[in-house]
Amino acid sequence: MSTLPQQPSEGTKRERPTVAVARAARVLADAGVEGARAEAELLAAYVLGVSRGRLALADGFTPAQRDRFEALVARRADREPLQHLMGSAAFRHLELAVGPGVFVPRPETELLAGWGVDQARRIPEPLVVDLCSGSGAIALAVAQEVPAARVVAVEGSPEALSWLRRNAADRAAAGDRPIEVVAADVTVPDLLADLAGRVDVLLCNPPYVPADVAVPPEVGRHDPANAVFGGADGLAVIRPVVARAAVLLRPGGVLGMEHDDTHGEAVPRLLAEDGRYASIGDHTDLAGRPRFATASRRADGPHATGGPAWQTASS
């Protein structure tokens, strides 16, 4: 556990934020935290109750605030996720409550959510399903940005479900259309049987990291393993989701699914081999890495012969 060296304030009981942030940034950088300065500023703003942009104008730290700030910096230096320390994660236009037991939503997943929003907006009253919902990031983003949508969020982890229900309640209280939360394992054969053939847009950010891949300490120690790792090849959950999505989607309904950056060919191939999908494509994230695959449900039979060709597309 890292600690911050003490530096008495000069002639006052308050310490300027810039001084404390500079000291904290060095501690975080030494601990291997990327973006150390930015994270130090975010923690300082959090403790002082101001936005990061107004940090330079804020009053200095009282002794109690400095102690709290230094304790948070020490925990971050020990690689506890920044979002756990602050209690929330930003996702598109939302602030979602997160903490132990739920996967922290990542910025790259905003691209999949945005694609889903665009698809849902094309339909007057779309039915949207979010599998492996976790904190509810994708489902709640769609519900906020497409008020006409009926959104169903599915999550199997009891720990994650508590965060999902909390975030769903918070967003409903804020005026967004309430989503429906379903407690279920997304790999069960009869998942959402009452919605078979009716879903317009199906989105999924499943566990997809191959089991032998080394992950950062924030992920390995704090994200739930069942939300990160997808078996030996990372496709253990993706395979049954591909099959079940074809049952749930109406003809012409669309699927969007995030995947590991090594799966830019594997996931589109699974979709093509299934035979029930058309318009298969793969999309890159802002760093140019393969990030999510999309497809539409064929309308020419329950299982057409031969998979269609697929293409890579930028997001």
Protein backbone atom coordinates (compact mmCIF):
# COMPACT_ATOMS: atom_id res chain seq x y z
CA MET A 1 0.00 0.00 0.00
CA SER A 2 1.50 3.37 -1.04
CA THR A 3 1.37 6.42 1.20
CA LEU A 4 1.74 10.11 0.42
CA PRO A 5 4.56 12.10 2.03
CA GLN A 6 3.20 14.78 4.33
CA GLN A 7 3.71 18.43 3.43
CA PRO A 8 2.55 21.03 5.96
CA SER A 9 0.64 23.96 4.54
CA GLU A 10 2.33 27.31 4.75
CA GLY A 11 0.62 29.72 7.12
CA THR A 12 -2.80 28.11 6.79
CA LYS A 13 -4.64 24.92 7.62
CA ARG A 14 -5.66 24.50 3.99
CA GLU A 15 -3.49 23.10 1.23
CA ARG A 16 -3.83 24.28 -2.36
CA PRO A 17 -5.35 21.60 -4.64
CA THR A 18 -2.56 22.04 -7.19
CA VAL A 19 0.06 21.11 -4.61
CA ALA A 20 -1.82 18.04 -3.39
CA VAL A 21 -2.62 16.91 -6.93
CA ALA A 22 0.98 17.18 -8.06
CA ARG A 23 2.12 15.07 -5.13
CA ALA A 24 -0.65 12.51 -5.70
CA ALA A 25 0.11 12.29 -9.43
CA ARG A 26 3.69 11.27 -8.65
CA VAL A 27 2.47 8.52 -6.31
CA LEU A 28 0.02 7.18 -8.90
CA ALA A 29 2.57 7.33 -11.72
CA ASP A 30 5.09 5.41 -9.57
CA ALA A 31 2.40 2.76 -9.01
CA GLY A 32 1.92 2.32 -12.78
CA VAL A 33 -1.45 4.05 -13.07
CA GLU A 34 -2.02 5.41 -16.57
CA GLY A 35 -3.27 8.99 -16.74
CA ALA A 36 -1.98 9.60 -13.21
CA ARG A 37 -2.42 13.38 -13.31
CA ALA A 38 -5.98 13.19 -14.61
CA GLU A 39 -6.95 10.61 -12.00
CA ALA A 40 -5.38 12.66 -9.21
CA GLU A 41 -7.43 15.66 -10.35
CA LEU A 42 -10.62 13.59 -10.47
CA LEU A 43 -10.08 12.32 -6.93
CA ALA A 44 -9.29 15.81 -5.67
CA ALA A 45 -12.42 17.23 -7.29
CA TYR A 46 -14.46 14.37 -5.81
CA VAL A 47 -13.22 15.07 -2.29
CA LEU A 48 -13.71 18.83 -2.64
CA GLY A 49 -17.17 18.45 -4.18
CA VAL A 50 -16.40 20.41 -7.35
CA SER A 51 -16.08 19.57 -11.02
CA ARG A 52 -12.63 18.80 -12.35
CA GLY A 53 -12.80 21.92 -14.50
CA ARG A 54 -13.23 24.12 -11.40
CA LEU A 55 -10.56 22.43 -9.33
CA ALA A 56 -8.08 25.32 -9.67
CA LEU A 57 -10.71 27.72 -8.30
CA ALA A 58 -11.67 25.56 -5.33
CA ASP A 59 -10.80 26.27 -1.73
CA GLY A 60 -7.84 24.35 -0.44
CA PHE A 61 -8.06 21.03 1.39
CA THR A 62 -8.91 21.14 5.05
CA PRO A 63 -6.84 18.67 7.12
CA ALA A 64 -9.76 16.23 7.11
CA GLN A 65 -10.20 16.52 3.34
CA ARG A 66 -6.49 16.07 2.78
CA ASP A 67 -6.51 12.91 4.88
CA ARG A 68 -9.45 11.56 2.89
CA PHE A 69 -7.80 12.47 -0.42
CA GLU A 70 -4.54 10.80 0.55
CA ALA A 71 -6.39 7.66 1.66
CA LEU A 72 -8.14 7.46 -1.71
CA VAL A 73 -4.88 8.04 -3.58
CA ALA A 74 -3.24 5.24 -1.60
CA ARG A 75 -6.07 2.87 -2.51
CA ARG A 76 -5.81 3.87 -6.17
CA ALA A 77 -2.05 3.30 -6.05
CA ASP A 78 -2.89 -0.20 -4.84
CA ARG A 79 -4.85 -0.46 -8.13
CA GLU A 80 -8.38 -0.32 -6.75
CA PRO A 81 -10.50 0.99 -9.66
CA LEU A 82 -11.08 4.72 -9.74
CA GLN A 83 -14.79 4.10 -10.30
CA HIS A 84 -15.02 2.05 -7.09
CA LEU A 85 -13.39 4.85 -5.13
CA MET A 86 -15.80 7.44 -6.50
CA GLY A 87 -18.80 5.11 -6.51
CA SER A 88 -19.82 5.76 -10.09
CA ALA A 89 -18.85 5.35 -13.72
CA ALA A 90 -19.68 7.64 -16.62
CA PHE A 91 -21.33 5.99 -19.64
CA ARG A 92 -22.59 8.08 -22.53
CA HIS A 93 -25.00 10.54 -20.84
CA LEU A 94 -25.29 8.56 -17.61
CA GLU A 95 -23.59 8.29 -14.23
CA LEU A 96 -24.01 4.73 -13.00
CA ALA A 97 -23.44 3.39 -9.51
CA VAL A 98 -20.74 0.70 -9.50
CA GLY A 99 -18.68 -1.15 -6.94
CA PRO A 100 -17.53 -4.62 -5.91
CA GLY A 101 -19.44 -7.38 -7.67
CA VAL A 102 -20.22 -5.63 -10.95
CA PHE A 103 -18.18 -5.05 -14.09
CA VAL A 104 -17.17 -1.41 -14.54
CA PRO A 105 -18.49 -0.24 -17.95
CA ARG A 106 -15.75 0.76 -20.39
CA PRO A 107 -15.69 3.68 -22.84
CA GLU A 108 -15.37 1.32 -25.83
CA THR A 109 -18.75 -0.20 -25.00
CA GLU A 110 -20.32 3.21 -25.63
CA LEU A 111 -19.81 2.51 -29.34
CA LEU A 112 -21.95 -0.63 -29.20
CA ALA A 113 -24.60 1.21 -27.18
CA GLY A 114 -24.58 4.04 -29.70
CA TRP A 115 -25.03 1.59 -32.56
CA GLY A 116 -27.96 0.06 -30.68
CA VAL A 117 -29.51 3.48 -30.10
CA ASP A 118 -29.25 4.27 -33.82
CA GLN A 119 -30.91 0.97 -34.73
CA ALA A 120 -33.71 1.38 -32.20
CA ARG A 121 -34.50 4.91 -33.38
CA ARG A 122 -35.47 3.52 -36.77
CA ILE A 123 -38.45 1.70 -35.27
CA PRO A 124 -41.53 3.45 -33.79
CA GLU A 125 -41.80 1.34 -30.61
CA PRO A 126 -38.80 -0.99 -30.55
CA LEU A 127 -38.29 -3.97 -28.29
CA VAL A 128 -34.64 -3.96 -27.19
CA VAL A 129 -32.92 -6.70 -25.18
CA ASP A 130 -29.59 -6.27 -23.39
CA LEU A 131 -27.93 -9.56 -22.42
CA CYS A 132 -25.15 -9.73 -19.78
CA SER A 133 -26.39 -6.34 -18.62
CA GLY A 134 -24.14 -5.93 -15.56
CA SER A 135 -24.58 -2.41 -14.22
CA GLY A 136 -27.26 -1.79 -16.85
CA ALA A 137 -25.09 0.58 -18.87
CA ILE A 138 -26.29 -0.40 -22.34
CA ALA A 139 -29.93 -0.97 -21.39
CA LEU A 140 -30.21 2.31 -19.51
CA ALA A 141 -28.48 4.28 -22.25
CA VAL A 142 -30.99 2.97 -24.79
CA ALA A 143 -33.93 3.68 -22.45
CA GLN A 144 -32.74 7.24 -21.95
CA GLU A 145 -31.97 8.00 -25.57
CA VAL A 146 -34.91 6.13 -27.14
CA PRO A 147 -37.87 6.89 -24.86
CA ALA A 148 -40.27 4.89 -27.04
CA ALA A 149 -38.29 1.68 -26.52
CA ARG A 150 -39.29 -1.21 -24.31
CA VAL A 151 -35.95 -2.35 -22.87
CA VAL A 152 -35.33 -5.71 -21.19
CA ALA A 153 -32.06 -6.20 -19.30
CA VAL A 154 -30.87 -9.74 -18.45
CA GLU A 155 -28.25 -10.51 -15.81
CA GLY A 156 -27.45 -13.72 -13.98
CA SER A 157 -25.08 -12.63 -11.21
CA PRO A 158 -26.85 -11.83 -7.91
CA GLU A 159 -24.17 -9.27 -7.05
CA ALA A 160 -24.44 -7.51 -10.40
CA LEU A 161 -28.23 -7.65 -10.26
CA SER A 162 -28.23 -5.51 -7.12
CA TRP A 163 -26.29 -2.78 -8.96
CA LEU A 164 -28.48 -3.16 -12.05
CA ARG A 165 -31.68 -2.76 -10.05
CA ARG A 166 -30.24 0.22 -8.17
CA ASN A 167 -29.27 1.98 -11.40
CA ALA A 168 -32.60 1.12 -13.03
CA ALA A 169 -34.48 2.60 -10.08
CA ASP A 170 -32.32 5.73 -10.10
CA ARG A 171 -32.89 6.34 -13.80
CA ALA A 172 -36.63 5.73 -13.51
CA ALA A 173 -36.75 8.24 -10.64
CA ALA A 174 -34.90 10.71 -12.87
CA GLY A 175 -37.64 10.42 -15.48
CA ASP A 176 -36.30 7.84 -17.94
CA ARG A 177 -38.64 5.11 -19.13
CA PRO A 178 -38.28 2.18 -16.69
CA ILE A 179 -36.51 -0.90 -17.98
CA GLU A 180 -37.48 -4.51 -17.21
CA VAL A 181 -34.86 -6.49 -15.27
CA VAL A 182 -34.73 -10.28 -15.71
CA ALA A 183 -32.58 -12.49 -13.51
CA ALA A 184 -31.35 -15.28 -15.78
CA ASP A 185 -28.30 -17.04 -17.17
CA VAL A 186 -28.01 -15.92 -20.80
CA THR A 187 -26.80 -19.38 -21.87
CA VAL A 188 -29.98 -21.27 -20.90
CA PRO A 189 -31.77 -22.73 -23.95
CA ASP A 190 -35.19 -21.22 -23.18
CA LEU A 191 -34.01 -17.70 -22.33
CA LEU A 192 -36.84 -15.14 -22.73
CA ALA A 193 -39.07 -17.71 -24.40
CA ASP A 194 -42.02 -15.30 -24.36
CA LEU A 195 -40.08 -12.88 -26.58
CA ALA A 196 -39.07 -15.40 -29.26
CA GLY A 197 -39.31 -13.89 -32.74
CA ARG A 198 -40.28 -10.45 -31.39
CA VAL A 199 -37.04 -8.63 -30.53
CA ASP A 200 -36.04 -5.71 -32.75
CA VAL A 201 -32.59 -5.01 -31.34
CA LEU A 202 -30.49 -7.40 -29.25
CA LEU A 203 -27.29 -6.11 -27.65
CA CYS A 204 -24.73 -7.99 -25.59
CA ASN A 205 -21.42 -7.26 -23.90
CA PRO A 206 -20.56 -10.79 -22.72
CA PRO A 207 -17.51 -12.07 -20.85
CA TYR A 208 -15.04 -12.61 -23.69
CA VAL A 209 -11.43 -12.47 -22.49
CA PRO A 210 -9.66 -15.82 -23.10
CA ALA A 211 -8.81 -17.54 -19.82
CA ASP A 212 -5.01 -17.39 -20.23
CA VAL A 213 -4.83 -13.66 -21.02
CA ALA A 214 -3.15 -11.47 -18.40
CA VAL A 215 -5.33 -8.53 -17.37
CA PRO A 216 -4.54 -5.32 -15.45
CA PRO A 217 -4.76 -5.45 -11.62
CA GLU A 218 -7.94 -3.35 -11.66
CA VAL A 219 -9.60 -6.09 -13.71
CA GLY A 220 -8.00 -9.18 -12.22
CA ARG A 221 -8.53 -8.16 -8.59
CA HIS A 222 -11.78 -6.23 -8.73
CA ASP A 223 -13.95 -6.99 -11.79
CA PRO A 224 -15.92 -10.23 -11.29
CA ALA A 225 -14.19 -13.04 -13.19
CA ASN A 226 -17.50 -14.31 -14.59
CA ALA A 227 -18.00 -10.94 -16.28
CA VAL A 228 -14.50 -10.87 -17.78
CA PHE A 229 -13.36 -14.33 -18.86
CA GLY A 230 -15.17 -16.36 -21.50
CA GLY A 231 -13.54 -19.76 -21.26
CA ALA A 232 -10.38 -21.03 -22.91
CA ASP A 233 -10.94 -19.16 -26.20
CA GLY A 234 -13.15 -16.37 -24.88
CA LEU A 235 -16.16 -17.61 -26.85
CA ALA A 236 -17.89 -19.82 -24.26
CA VAL A 237 -20.75 -17.36 -23.72
CA ILE A 238 -20.72 -15.85 -27.20
CA ARG A 239 -21.55 -19.18 -28.88
CA PRO A 240 -24.87 -19.78 -27.06
CA VAL A 241 -25.79 -16.10 -27.35
CA VAL A 242 -25.36 -16.26 -31.13
CA ALA A 243 -27.71 -19.24 -31.22
CA ARG A 244 -30.31 -17.81 -28.84
CA ALA A 245 -30.32 -14.37 -30.43
CA ALA A 246 -31.39 -15.93 -33.72
CA VAL A 247 -34.47 -17.33 -31.95
CA LEU A 248 -35.32 -14.10 -30.15
CA LEU A 249 -34.92 -11.70 -33.08
CA ARG A 250 -37.76 -11.06 -35.48
CA PRO A 251 -36.96 -11.33 -39.20
CA GLY A 252 -34.89 -8.24 -39.95
CA GLY A 253 -34.09 -7.67 -36.28
CA VAL A 254 -30.49 -6.83 -35.50
CA LEU A 255 -27.78 -8.12 -33.17
CA GLY A 256 -24.78 -6.21 -31.83
CA MET A 257 -22.22 -8.00 -29.66
CA GLU A 258 -18.93 -6.82 -28.19
CA HIS A 259 -15.92 -9.12 -28.36
CA ASP A 260 -12.22 -9.35 -27.61
CA ASP A 261 -9.90 -7.53 -29.97
CA THR A 262 -8.57 -10.93 -31.08
CA HIS A 263 -12.07 -12.02 -32.17
CA GLY A 264 -12.49 -9.74 -35.18
CA GLU A 265 -12.74 -12.78 -37.45
CA ALA A 266 -13.95 -15.46 -35.02
CA VAL A 267 -17.25 -13.86 -34.01
CA PRO A 268 -18.37 -12.89 -37.53
CA ARG A 269 -17.46 -16.43 -38.57
CA LEU A 270 -19.73 -17.86 -35.84
CA LEU A 271 -22.55 -15.67 -37.09
CA ALA A 272 -22.00 -16.76 -40.67
CA GLU A 273 -21.76 -20.45 -39.78
CA ASP A 274 -25.04 -20.25 -37.85
CA GLY A 275 -26.81 -19.57 -41.13
CA ARG A 276 -29.63 -17.46 -39.73
CA TYR A 277 -27.89 -14.08 -40.07
CA ALA A 278 -27.29 -11.65 -42.92
CA SER A 279 -25.48 -8.30 -43.24
CA ILE A 280 -22.70 -9.52 -40.93
CA GLY A 281 -20.08 -6.92 -40.12
CA ASP A 282 -17.38 -6.14 -37.60
CA HIS A 283 -16.64 -2.71 -36.17
CA THR A 284 -13.50 -1.17 -34.68
CA ASP A 285 -13.14 0.96 -31.58
CA LEU A 286 -11.55 4.41 -31.48
CA ALA A 287 -8.10 2.81 -31.29
CA GLY A 288 -8.75 0.86 -34.48
CA ARG A 289 -9.10 -2.51 -32.75
CA PRO A 290 -11.88 -4.99 -33.64
CA ARG A 291 -14.53 -4.42 -30.97
CA PHE A 292 -18.07 -5.54 -31.85
CA ALA A 293 -19.89 -7.57 -34.46
CA THR A 294 -23.31 -6.86 -35.93
CA ALA A 295 -25.79 -8.81 -38.02
CA SER A 296 -29.46 -8.97 -38.96
CA ARG A 297 -31.84 -11.92 -38.66
CA ARG A 298 -32.55 -13.51 -42.01
CA ALA A 299 -36.17 -13.64 -43.14
CA ASP A 300 -35.84 -16.59 -45.52
CA GLY A 301 -36.34 -19.57 -43.24
CA PRO A 302 -35.33 -20.64 -39.75
CA HIS A 303 -31.89 -21.87 -40.81
CA ALA A 304 -30.78 -21.03 -44.29
CA THR A 305 -27.96 -23.06 -45.87
CA GLY A 306 -24.58 -21.41 -46.04
CA GLY A 307 -23.42 -18.32 -44.20
CA PRO A 308 -23.26 -14.94 -45.94
CA ALA A 309 -20.02 -13.11 -46.44
CA TRP A 310 -19.14 -10.55 -43.80
CA GLN A 311 -17.19 -7.34 -43.87
CA THR A 312 -15.16 -5.28 -41.45
CA ALA A 313 -16.43 -1.77 -40.80
CA SER A 314 -15.19 1.15 -38.75
CA SER A 315 -17.44 2.52 -36.00
